[in-house]
Amino acid sequence: MARLAAGNSFQSVAEDFIEVKFVGGQKAAATIEKARWYLSHLTDPIGGRPVSEIEPAELMVVLKKIEKAGKRETAVRTRAFASRVFRHGVAMSLCKSDPAALLGDALMSPIVTHRAAILEPRKLGALLRAIDDYGGSESVKIAMQLLPHVFVRPGELRLAKWKEIDWDEKIWRIPAERTKLRRPHSVPLSVQSLALFNELRRHTGWMDWMFPGERSHLKPMCENAINTAFRRMGFDRETVTAHGFRATASTLLNESGKWHPDAIERALAHGHSNAVRGAYARGQHWDERVQMSQ
């Protein structure tokens, strides 16, 4: 009976859901990691409970605790994740309804904020000099130095592996499963980028991950490592974030008037609202992107 209950627990159903829909669906590694993070908020309070016995009020207590901690968006997204788990349980005949579906209107809406980014050249210069003087972890320092050169999402950088670098062609090839749009993204590497990667290789080149974790080289760098470094340097979250470098690149490159907007969009791995234009632009602007990167 205990074994049966374990198999019907919220935790086991959630893990099966992640395995089927996320891992089996070849979602990006960052997306899978985020799903497991949402599950971590539910594991202790309801993870061991039979999925068929969990009541809306029971789940609401968990979500309200997250909300009261000031994490409104986390509460909303955790509820949405739980709802998908319950629907997975319904499909597997392990429960008859989705109690999370009844709670959407009971949570506060997240406060929408844009990720902080520096958009003025002089202030950006001051930040870059501060990064060069950073006295903490060498790999975190190099990660910060690389962000303004490669324009990638922070998750794509911290989960990078050495096998993705083509040293001869001077290209970093990010596989589809790690990108937001689920398609491969190639990054032309400037002289400065190559120098930084070569410096990083002295520290972590013998490992699988380019940016291994501080506690174990078998895991990638912590998701908050770069932003934590910015805070230690005296830059608050309203001034700069790791993701904000993409807004910095987009703004300054567009304002320069030197580059085709599509080349900038391709460098940022953005999609196109116009499917025909997107299909055409997919193979274009590489030479321009190489020049722009340099």
C-alpha atoms as a PDB file:
ATOM      1  CA  MET A   1       0.000   0.000   0.000  1.00  0.00           C
ATOM      2  CA  ALA A   2       2.882   2.383   0.835  1.00  0.00           C
ATOM      3  CA  ARG A   3       4.483   1.663  -2.549  1.00  0.00           C
ATOM      4  CA  LEU A   4       1.182   2.381  -4.313  1.00  0.00           C
ATOM      5  CA  ALA A   5       0.794   5.666  -2.435  1.00  0.00           C
ATOM      6  CA  ALA A   6       4.328   6.671  -3.371  1.00  0.00           C
ATOM      7  CA  GLY A   7       3.577   6.020  -7.018  1.00  0.00           C
ATOM      8  CA  ASN A   8       0.447   8.180  -6.798  1.00  0.00           C
ATOM      9  CA  SER A   9       2.093  10.997  -4.853  1.00  0.00           C
ATOM     10  CA  PHE A  10       2.206  14.533  -6.205  1.00  0.00           C
ATOM     11  CA  GLN A  11       6.003  14.288  -6.323  1.00  0.00           C
ATOM     12  CA  SER A  12       6.017  11.122  -8.446  1.00  0.00           C
ATOM     13  CA  VAL A  13       3.339  12.458 -10.813  1.00  0.00           C
ATOM     14  CA  ALA A  14       5.234  15.747 -11.151  1.00  0.00           C
ATOM     15  CA  GLU A  15       8.514  13.976 -11.893  1.00  0.00           C
ATOM     16  CA  ASP A  16       6.794  11.829 -14.505  1.00  0.00           C
ATOM     17  CA  PHE A  17       5.225  14.958 -16.012  1.00  0.00           C
ATOM     18  CA  ILE A  18       8.639  16.649 -16.277  1.00  0.00           C
ATOM     19  CA  GLU A  19      10.172  13.524 -17.796  1.00  0.00           C
ATOM     20  CA  VAL A  20       7.432  13.140 -20.395  1.00  0.00           C
ATOM     21  CA  LYS A  21       6.665  16.742 -21.324  1.00  0.00           C
ATOM     22  CA  PHE A  22       9.958  18.504 -20.736  1.00  0.00           C
ATOM     23  CA  VAL A  23      12.785  15.974 -21.061  1.00  0.00           C
ATOM     24  CA  GLY A  24      10.959  13.820 -23.619  1.00  0.00           C
ATOM     25  CA  GLY A  25       9.773  16.944 -25.411  1.00  0.00           C
ATOM     26  CA  GLN A  26      13.423  18.059 -25.707  1.00  0.00           C
ATOM     27  CA  LYS A  27      12.796  21.357 -23.987  1.00  0.00           C
ATOM     28  CA  ALA A  28      15.743  23.634 -23.292  1.00  0.00           C
ATOM     29  CA  ALA A  29      17.865  22.637 -20.295  1.00  0.00           C
ATOM     30  CA  ALA A  30      17.037  25.936 -18.611  1.00  0.00           C
ATOM     31  CA  THR A  31      13.308  25.241 -19.058  1.00  0.00           C
ATOM     32  CA  ILE A  32      13.648  21.791 -17.490  1.00  0.00           C
ATOM     33  CA  GLU A  33      15.659  23.254 -14.626  1.00  0.00           C
ATOM     34  CA  LYS A  34      12.990  25.913 -14.057  1.00  0.00           C
ATOM     35  CA  ALA A  35      10.230  23.266 -13.947  1.00  0.00           C
ATOM     36  CA  ARG A  36      12.161  21.386 -11.281  1.00  0.00           C
ATOM     37  CA  TRP A  37      12.593  24.656  -9.391  1.00  0.00           C
ATOM     38  CA  TYR A  38       8.814  25.161  -9.318  1.00  0.00           C
ATOM     39  CA  LEU A  39       8.441  21.597  -8.102  1.00  0.00           C
ATOM     40  CA  SER A  40      10.904  22.294  -5.282  1.00  0.00           C
ATOM     41  CA  HIS A  41       8.418  24.794  -3.802  1.00  0.00           C
ATOM     42  CA  LEU A  42       5.805  22.045  -3.585  1.00  0.00           C
ATOM     43  CA  THR A  43       7.896  19.045  -2.582  1.00  0.00           C
ATOM     44  CA  ASP A  44       7.971  19.475   1.199  1.00  0.00           C
ATOM     45  CA  PRO A  45       4.373  20.624   1.765  1.00  0.00           C
ATOM     46  CA  ILE A  46       2.483  18.330  -0.638  1.00  0.00           C
ATOM     47  CA  GLY A  47       5.045  16.189  -2.467  1.00  0.00           C
ATOM     48  CA  GLY A  48       4.311  13.069  -0.467  1.00  0.00           C
ATOM     49  CA  ARG A  49       0.546  13.445  -0.544  1.00  0.00           C
ATOM     50  CA  PRO A  50      -1.561  11.274  -2.898  1.00  0.00           C
ATOM     51  CA  VAL A  51      -2.359  13.466  -5.877  1.00  0.00           C
ATOM     52  CA  SER A  52      -6.036  12.484  -5.694  1.00  0.00           C
ATOM     53  CA  GLU A  53      -6.413  13.751  -2.122  1.00  0.00           C
ATOM     54  CA  ILE A  54      -4.955  17.251  -2.402  1.00  0.00           C
ATOM     55  CA  GLU A  55      -7.587  19.955  -1.867  1.00  0.00           C
ATOM     56  CA  PRO A  56      -7.554  23.520  -3.274  1.00  0.00           C
ATOM     57  CA  ALA A  57      -7.281  25.036   0.221  1.00  0.00           C
ATOM     58  CA  GLU A  58      -4.240  22.859   0.957  1.00  0.00           C
ATOM     59  CA  LEU A  59      -2.444  24.071  -2.168  1.00  0.00           C
ATOM     60  CA  MET A  60      -3.537  27.653  -1.507  1.00  0.00           C
ATOM     61  CA  VAL A  61      -1.675  27.695   1.814  1.00  0.00           C
ATOM     62  CA  VAL A  62       1.544  26.839  -0.015  1.00  0.00           C
ATOM     63  CA  LEU A  63       1.032  29.457  -2.730  1.00  0.00           C
ATOM     64  CA  LYS A  64       0.067  32.212  -0.284  1.00  0.00           C
ATOM     65  CA  LYS A  65       3.231  31.558   1.711  1.00  0.00           C
ATOM     66  CA  ILE A  66       5.280  32.150  -1.450  1.00  0.00           C
ATOM     67  CA  GLU A  67       3.229  35.249  -2.247  1.00  0.00           C
ATOM     68  CA  LYS A  68       3.646  36.726   1.255  1.00  0.00           C
ATOM     69  CA  ALA A  69       7.415  36.388   0.838  1.00  0.00           C
ATOM     70  CA  GLY A  70       7.087  38.981  -1.929  1.00  0.00           C
ATOM     71  CA  LYS A  71       7.424  36.468  -4.750  1.00  0.00           C
ATOM     72  CA  ARG A  72       4.181  37.055  -6.607  1.00  0.00           C
ATOM     73  CA  GLU A  73       5.366  35.836  -9.983  1.00  0.00           C
ATOM     74  CA  THR A  74       6.832  32.684  -8.440  1.00  0.00           C
ATOM     75  CA  ALA A  75       3.499  31.960  -6.756  1.00  0.00           C
ATOM     76  CA  VAL A  76       1.589  32.438 -10.022  1.00  0.00           C
ATOM     77  CA  ARG A  77       3.969  30.281 -12.019  1.00  0.00           C
ATOM     78  CA  THR A  78       4.117  27.586  -9.337  1.00  0.00           C
ATOM     79  CA  ARG A  79       0.306  27.380  -9.417  1.00  0.00           C
ATOM     80  CA  ALA A  80       0.410  27.043 -13.219  1.00  0.00           C
ATOM     81  CA  PHE A  81       3.006  24.278 -12.928  1.00  0.00           C
ATOM     82  CA  ALA A  82       0.931  22.457 -10.296  1.00  0.00           C
ATOM     83  CA  SER A  83      -2.110  22.722 -12.547  1.00  0.00           C
ATOM     84  CA  ARG A  84      -0.260  21.001 -15.376  1.00  0.00           C
ATOM     85  CA  VAL A  85       0.854  18.253 -12.987  1.00  0.00           C
ATOM     86  CA  PHE A  86      -2.724  17.635 -11.837  1.00  0.00           C
ATOM     87  CA  ARG A  87      -3.949  17.532 -15.452  1.00  0.00           C
ATOM     88  CA  HIS A  88      -1.206  14.999 -16.153  1.00  0.00           C
ATOM     89  CA  GLY A  89      -2.526  12.999 -13.200  1.00  0.00           C
ATOM     90  CA  VAL A  90      -6.057  13.158 -14.614  1.00  0.00           C
ATOM     91  CA  ALA A  91      -4.784  11.854 -17.950  1.00  0.00           C
ATOM     92  CA  MET A  92      -3.119   8.959 -16.115  1.00  0.00           C
ATOM     93  CA  SER A  93      -6.329   8.223 -14.126  1.00  0.00           C
ATOM     94  CA  LEU A  94      -4.539   9.020 -10.859  1.00  0.00           C
ATOM     95  CA  CYS A  95      -6.895  11.854  -9.898  1.00  0.00           C
ATOM     96  CA  LYS A  96     -10.227  13.195 -11.096  1.00  0.00           C
ATOM     97  CA  SER A  97      -9.735  16.951 -11.103  1.00  0.00           C
ATOM     98  CA  ASP A  98      -7.261  19.836 -11.053  1.00  0.00           C
ATOM     99  CA  PRO A  99      -7.572  21.734  -7.729  1.00  0.00           C
ATOM    100  CA  ALA A 100      -5.003  24.312  -8.879  1.00  0.00           C
ATOM    101  CA  ALA A 101      -7.326  25.467 -11.664  1.00  0.00           C
ATOM    102  CA  LEU A 102      -9.648  27.036  -9.076  1.00  0.00           C
ATOM    103  CA  LEU A 103      -6.965  29.241  -7.533  1.00  0.00           C
ATOM    104  CA  GLY A 104      -5.848  31.475 -10.390  1.00  0.00           C
ATOM    105  CA  ASP A 105      -7.965  34.479  -9.421  1.00  0.00           C
ATOM    106  CA  ALA A 106      -7.071  34.163  -5.738  1.00  0.00           C
ATOM    107  CA  LEU A 107      -3.404  35.130  -6.246  1.00  0.00           C
ATOM    108  CA  MET A 108      -2.075  38.646  -6.675  1.00  0.00           C
ATOM    109  CA  SER A 109      -0.885  39.570 -10.148  1.00  0.00           C
ATOM    110  CA  PRO A 110       2.893  39.911 -10.521  1.00  0.00           C
ATOM    111  CA  ILE A 111       4.329  43.415 -10.663  1.00  0.00           C
ATOM    112  CA  VAL A 112       5.682  43.761 -14.188  1.00  0.00           C
ATOM    113  CA  THR A 113       9.228  45.099 -14.253  1.00  0.00           C
ATOM    114  CA  HIS A 114      11.767  45.294 -17.044  1.00  0.00           C
ATOM    115  CA  ARG A 115      15.179  43.775 -16.422  1.00  0.00           C
ATOM    116  CA  ALA A 116      17.555  46.548 -15.524  1.00  0.00           C
ATOM    117  CA  ALA A 117      20.056  47.506 -18.209  1.00  0.00           C
ATOM    118  CA  ILE A 118      22.582  50.275 -18.757  1.00  0.00           C
ATOM    119  CA  LEU A 119      21.808  52.104 -21.997  1.00  0.00           C
ATOM    120  CA  GLU A 120      24.281  55.020 -21.846  1.00  0.00           C
ATOM    121  CA  PRO A 121      27.790  54.469 -23.292  1.00  0.00           C
ATOM    122  CA  ARG A 122      29.625  56.280 -20.471  1.00  0.00           C
ATOM    123  CA  LYS A 123      27.844  54.346 -17.732  1.00  0.00           C
ATOM    124  CA  LEU A 124      28.449  51.135 -19.659  1.00  0.00           C
ATOM    125  CA  GLY A 125      32.146  51.942 -19.827  1.00  0.00           C
ATOM    126  CA  ALA A 126      32.238  52.406 -16.053  1.00  0.00           C
ATOM    127  CA  LEU A 127      30.544  49.021 -15.588  1.00  0.00           C
ATOM    128  CA  LEU A 128      32.985  47.268 -17.936  1.00  0.00           C
ATOM    129  CA  ARG A 129      35.954  48.734 -16.052  1.00  0.00           C
ATOM    130  CA  ALA A 130      34.427  47.593 -12.754  1.00  0.00           C
ATOM    131  CA  ILE A 131      34.029  44.082 -14.167  1.00  0.00           C
ATOM    132  CA  ASP A 132      37.705  44.051 -15.216  1.00  0.00           C
ATOM    133  CA  ASP A 133      38.622  44.908 -11.600  1.00  0.00           C
ATOM    134  CA  TYR A 134      36.371  42.222 -10.071  1.00  0.00           C
ATOM    135  CA  GLY A 135      38.297  40.237  -7.481  1.00  0.00           C
ATOM    136  CA  GLY A 136      36.006  37.242  -7.052  1.00  0.00           C
ATOM    137  CA  SER A 137      35.747  33.958  -8.945  1.00  0.00           C
ATOM    138  CA  GLU A 138      37.738  34.048 -12.170  1.00  0.00           C
ATOM    139  CA  SER A 139      35.103  32.111 -14.147  1.00  0.00           C
ATOM    140  CA  VAL A 140      32.318  34.444 -12.969  1.00  0.00           C
ATOM    141  CA  LYS A 141      34.472  37.420 -13.930  1.00  0.00           C
ATOM    142  CA  ILE A 142      35.022  36.030 -17.433  1.00  0.00           C
ATOM    143  CA  ALA A 143      31.296  35.280 -17.741  1.00  0.00           C
ATOM    144  CA  MET A 144      30.585  38.954 -16.995  1.00  0.00           C
ATOM    145  CA  GLN A 145      33.251  40.039 -19.462  1.00  0.00           C
ATOM    146  CA  LEU A 146      31.785  37.826 -22.197  1.00  0.00           C
ATOM    147  CA  LEU A 147      28.146  38.936 -21.887  1.00  0.00           C
ATOM    148  CA  PRO A 148      28.580  42.286 -23.694  1.00  0.00           C
ATOM    149  CA  HIS A 149      30.430  40.533 -26.536  1.00  0.00           C
ATOM    150  CA  VAL A 150      28.107  37.630 -27.290  1.00  0.00           C
ATOM    151  CA  PHE A 151      24.595  39.004 -26.466  1.00  0.00           C
ATOM    152  CA  VAL A 152      23.303  35.571 -25.381  1.00  0.00           C
ATOM    153  CA  ARG A 153      20.821  34.831 -22.603  1.00  0.00           C
ATOM    154  CA  PRO A 154      22.519  34.239 -19.225  1.00  0.00           C
ATOM    155  CA  GLY A 155      21.271  30.639 -19.116  1.00  0.00           C
ATOM    156  CA  GLU A 156      22.810  29.930 -22.511  1.00  0.00           C
ATOM    157  CA  LEU A 157      26.133  31.225 -21.228  1.00  0.00           C
ATOM    158  CA  ARG A 158      26.298  29.506 -17.854  1.00  0.00           C
ATOM    159  CA  LEU A 159      25.213  26.147 -19.345  1.00  0.00           C
ATOM    160  CA  ALA A 160      27.786  26.331 -22.132  1.00  0.00           C
ATOM    161  CA  LYS A 161      30.068  23.363 -22.812  1.00  0.00           C
ATOM    162  CA  TRP A 162      33.520  23.370 -24.351  1.00  0.00           C
ATOM    163  CA  LYS A 163      32.482  21.071 -27.195  1.00  0.00           C
ATOM    164  CA  GLU A 164      30.295  23.886 -28.561  1.00  0.00           C
ATOM    165  CA  ILE A 165      33.266  26.086 -29.532  1.00  0.00           C
ATOM    166  CA  ASP A 166      34.584  25.766 -33.090  1.00  0.00           C
ATOM    167  CA  TRP A 167      38.039  27.261 -32.687  1.00  0.00           C
ATOM    168  CA  ASP A 168      38.919  27.014 -36.386  1.00  0.00           C
ATOM    169  CA  GLU A 169      35.769  28.761 -37.596  1.00  0.00           C
ATOM    170  CA  LYS A 170      35.667  31.108 -34.583  1.00  0.00           C
ATOM    171  CA  ILE A 171      32.048  30.222 -33.843  1.00  0.00           C
ATOM    172  CA  TRP A 172      30.179  29.249 -30.701  1.00  0.00           C
ATOM    173  CA  ARG A 173      27.351  26.889 -31.709  1.00  0.00           C
ATOM    174  CA  ILE A 174      24.585  26.727 -29.111  1.00  0.00           C
ATOM    175  CA  PRO A 175      22.424  23.605 -29.614  1.00  0.00           C
ATOM    176  CA  ALA A 176      18.674  23.932 -30.172  1.00  0.00           C
ATOM    177  CA  GLU A 177      17.713  22.323 -26.862  1.00  0.00           C
ATOM    178  CA  ARG A 178      19.369  25.185 -24.949  1.00  0.00           C
ATOM    179  CA  THR A 179      17.806  28.084 -26.843  1.00  0.00           C
ATOM    180  CA  LYS A 180      14.481  29.788 -26.178  1.00  0.00           C
ATOM    181  CA  LEU A 181      13.252  29.276 -29.750  1.00  0.00           C
ATOM    182  CA  ARG A 182      14.403  25.617 -29.852  1.00  0.00           C
ATOM    183  CA  ARG A 183      16.663  26.151 -32.847  1.00  0.00           C
ATOM    184  CA  PRO A 184      20.472  26.219 -33.051  1.00  0.00           C
ATOM    185  CA  HIS A 185      22.112  29.600 -32.600  1.00  0.00           C
ATOM    186  CA  SER A 186      25.598  30.401 -33.890  1.00  0.00           C
ATOM    187  CA  VAL A 187      27.607  33.194 -32.296  1.00  0.00           C
ATOM    188  CA  PRO A 188      30.530  34.730 -34.242  1.00  0.00           C
ATOM    189  CA  LEU A 189      33.461  35.190 -31.891  1.00  0.00           C
ATOM    190  CA  SER A 190      35.451  38.409 -31.970  1.00  0.00           C
ATOM    191  CA  VAL A 191      39.139  38.586 -31.181  1.00  0.00           C
ATOM    192  CA  GLN A 192      38.227  39.728 -27.668  1.00  0.00           C
ATOM    193  CA  SER A 193      35.740  36.879 -27.173  1.00  0.00           C
ATOM    194  CA  LEU A 194      38.273  34.298 -28.304  1.00  0.00           C
ATOM    195  CA  ALA A 195      40.852  35.756 -25.916  1.00  0.00           C
ATOM    196  CA  LEU A 196      38.383  35.485 -23.036  1.00  0.00           C
ATOM    197  CA  PHE A 197      37.457  31.903 -23.932  1.00  0.00           C
ATOM    198  CA  ASN A 198      41.143  31.015 -24.135  1.00  0.00           C
ATOM    199  CA  GLU A 199      41.712  32.549 -20.706  1.00  0.00           C
ATOM    200  CA  LEU A 200      38.729  30.612 -19.348  1.00  0.00           C
ATOM    201  CA  ARG A 201      40.121  27.428 -20.888  1.00  0.00           C
ATOM    202  CA  ARG A 202      43.163  27.759 -18.610  1.00  0.00           C
ATOM    203  CA  HIS A 203      40.839  27.460 -15.609  1.00  0.00           C
ATOM    204  CA  THR A 204      38.094  25.045 -16.741  1.00  0.00           C
ATOM    205  CA  GLY A 205      39.194  23.616 -20.079  1.00  0.00           C
ATOM    206  CA  TRP A 206      39.597  20.120 -18.641  1.00  0.00           C
ATOM    207  CA  MET A 207      35.946  20.046 -17.568  1.00  0.00           C
ATOM    208  CA  ASP A 208      32.721  19.500 -19.493  1.00  0.00           C
ATOM    209  CA  TRP A 209      31.131  22.778 -18.399  1.00  0.00           C
ATOM    210  CA  MET A 210      32.773  26.060 -19.340  1.00  0.00           C
ATOM    211  CA  PHE A 211      31.415  27.590 -16.139  1.00  0.00           C
ATOM    212  CA  PRO A 212      31.274  24.855 -13.480  1.00  0.00           C
ATOM    213  CA  GLY A 213      29.748  25.371 -10.059  1.00  0.00           C
ATOM    214  CA  GLU A 214      31.916  26.392  -7.129  1.00  0.00           C
ATOM    215  CA  ARG A 215      31.007  23.308  -5.095  1.00  0.00           C
ATOM    216  CA  SER A 216      31.143  20.721  -7.878  1.00  0.00           C
ATOM    217  CA  HIS A 217      32.559  20.838 -11.389  1.00  0.00           C
ATOM    218  CA  LEU A 218      29.937  18.242 -12.353  1.00  0.00           C
ATOM    219  CA  LYS A 219      27.256  20.946 -12.232  1.00  0.00           C
ATOM    220  CA  PRO A 220      27.085  24.318 -14.006  1.00  0.00           C
ATOM    221  CA  MET A 221      27.507  27.674 -12.349  1.00  0.00           C
ATOM    222  CA  CYS A 222      24.651  28.816 -10.099  1.00  0.00           C
ATOM    223  CA  GLU A 223      21.827  30.679 -11.842  1.00  0.00           C
ATOM    224  CA  ASN A 224      22.355  33.755  -9.636  1.00  0.00           C
ATOM    225  CA  ALA A 225      26.168  33.800  -9.704  1.00  0.00           C
ATOM    226  CA  ILE A 226      26.519  36.695 -12.165  1.00  0.00           C
ATOM    227  CA  ASN A 227      23.861  38.903 -10.597  1.00  0.00           C
ATOM    228  CA  THR A 228      25.301  38.190  -7.144  1.00  0.00           C
ATOM    229  CA  ALA A 229      28.683  39.381  -8.415  1.00  0.00           C
ATOM    230  CA  PHE A 230      27.108  42.607  -9.677  1.00  0.00           C
ATOM    231  CA  ARG A 231      25.612  43.232  -6.220  1.00  0.00           C
ATOM    232  CA  ARG A 232      28.995  42.639  -4.568  1.00  0.00           C
ATOM    233  CA  MET A 233      30.457  45.199  -6.957  1.00  0.00           C
ATOM    234  CA  GLY A 234      27.909  47.766  -5.776  1.00  0.00           C
ATOM    235  CA  PHE A 235      25.472  47.662  -8.708  1.00  0.00           C
ATOM    236  CA  ASP A 236      21.909  47.130  -7.452  1.00  0.00           C
ATOM    237  CA  ARG A 237      19.180  45.201  -9.294  1.00  0.00           C
ATOM    238  CA  GLU A 238      17.605  48.455 -10.534  1.00  0.00           C
ATOM    239  CA  THR A 239      20.864  49.326 -12.326  1.00  0.00           C
ATOM    240  CA  VAL A 240      22.141  46.168 -14.003  1.00  0.00           C
ATOM    241  CA  THR A 241      21.287  42.499 -14.479  1.00  0.00           C
ATOM    242  CA  ALA A 242      22.927  39.726 -16.482  1.00  0.00           C
ATOM    243  CA  HIS A 243      19.958  39.571 -18.858  1.00  0.00           C
ATOM    244  CA  GLY A 244      20.052  43.342 -19.250  1.00  0.00           C
ATOM    245  CA  PHE A 245      23.133  43.149 -21.456  1.00  0.00           C
ATOM    246  CA  ARG A 246      20.831  42.020 -24.280  1.00  0.00           C
ATOM    247  CA  ALA A 247      18.839  45.243 -23.973  1.00  0.00           C
ATOM    248  CA  THR A 248      22.112  47.161 -23.840  1.00  0.00           C
ATOM    249  CA  ALA A 249      23.294  45.516 -27.059  1.00  0.00           C
ATOM    250  CA  SER A 250      19.966  46.009 -28.841  1.00  0.00           C
ATOM    251  CA  THR A 251      19.718  49.681 -27.868  1.00  0.00           C
ATOM    252  CA  LEU A 252      23.288  50.733 -28.623  1.00  0.00           C
ATOM    253  CA  LEU A 253      23.584  48.736 -31.850  1.00  0.00           C
ATOM    254  CA  ASN A 254      20.298  50.108 -33.194  1.00  0.00           C
ATOM    255  CA  GLU A 255      21.135  53.660 -32.151  1.00  0.00           C
ATOM    256  CA  SER A 256      24.491  53.475 -33.930  1.00  0.00           C
ATOM    257  CA  GLY A 257      22.720  53.262 -37.299  1.00  0.00           C
ATOM    258  CA  LYS A 258      25.534  51.072 -38.642  1.00  0.00           C
ATOM    259  CA  TRP A 259      23.756  47.728 -38.760  1.00  0.00           C
ATOM    260  CA  HIS A 260      20.670  46.253 -40.404  1.00  0.00           C
ATOM    261  CA  PRO A 261      17.909  45.700 -37.785  1.00  0.00           C
ATOM    262  CA  ASP A 262      17.563  42.068 -38.923  1.00  0.00           C
ATOM    263  CA  ALA A 263      21.270  41.467 -38.278  1.00  0.00           C
ATOM    264  CA  ILE A 264      20.806  42.744 -34.732  1.00  0.00           C
ATOM    265  CA  GLU A 265      17.704  40.578 -34.232  1.00  0.00           C
ATOM    266  CA  ARG A 266      19.550  37.507 -35.487  1.00  0.00           C
ATOM    267  CA  ALA A 267      22.478  38.266 -33.172  1.00  0.00           C
ATOM    268  CA  LEU A 268      20.008  38.338 -30.274  1.00  0.00           C
ATOM    269  CA  ALA A 269      18.359  35.091 -31.474  1.00  0.00           C
ATOM    270  CA  HIS A 270      14.965  36.749 -31.606  1.00  0.00           C
ATOM    271  CA  GLY A 271      12.092  35.300 -33.592  1.00  0.00           C
ATOM    272  CA  HIS A 272      10.144  37.080 -36.327  1.00  0.00           C
ATOM    273  CA  SER A 273       6.439  37.858 -36.115  1.00  0.00           C
ATOM    274  CA  ASN A 274       6.355  37.605 -39.903  1.00  0.00           C
ATOM    275  CA  ALA A 275       6.966  33.923 -40.730  1.00  0.00           C
ATOM    276  CA  VAL A 276       8.043  34.553 -44.338  1.00  0.00           C
ATOM    277  CA  ARG A 277      10.445  37.304 -43.369  1.00  0.00           C
ATOM    278  CA  GLY A 278      11.767  35.138 -40.541  1.00  0.00           C
ATOM    279  CA  ALA A 279      12.443  32.209 -42.874  1.00  0.00           C
ATOM    280  CA  TYR A 280      14.286  34.492 -45.290  1.00  0.00           C
ATOM    281  CA  ALA A 281      16.312  36.268 -42.602  1.00  0.00           C
ATOM    282  CA  ARG A 282      17.383  33.024 -40.956  1.00  0.00           C
ATOM    283  CA  GLY A 283      20.276  32.508 -43.364  1.00  0.00           C
ATOM    284  CA  GLN A 284      21.131  36.146 -43.904  1.00  0.00           C
ATOM    285  CA  HIS A 285      23.401  38.758 -42.327  1.00  0.00           C
ATOM    286  CA  TRP A 286      26.143  36.390 -41.140  1.00  0.00           C
ATOM    287  CA  ASP A 287      28.993  38.472 -42.576  1.00  0.00           C
ATOM    288  CA  GLU A 288      27.438  41.592 -41.097  1.00  0.00           C
ATOM    289  CA  ARG A 289      27.077  39.876 -37.724  1.00  0.00           C
ATOM    290  CA  VAL A 290      30.763  38.916 -37.798  1.00  0.00           C
ATOM    291  CA  GLN A 291      31.698  42.573 -38.403  1.00  0.00           C
ATOM    292  CA  MET A 292      29.212  43.772 -35.791  1.00  0.00           C
ATOM    293  CA  SER A 293      30.582  41.381 -33.193  1.00  0.00           C
ATOM    294  CA  GLN A 294      34.112  42.605 -33.785  1.00  0.00           C
END
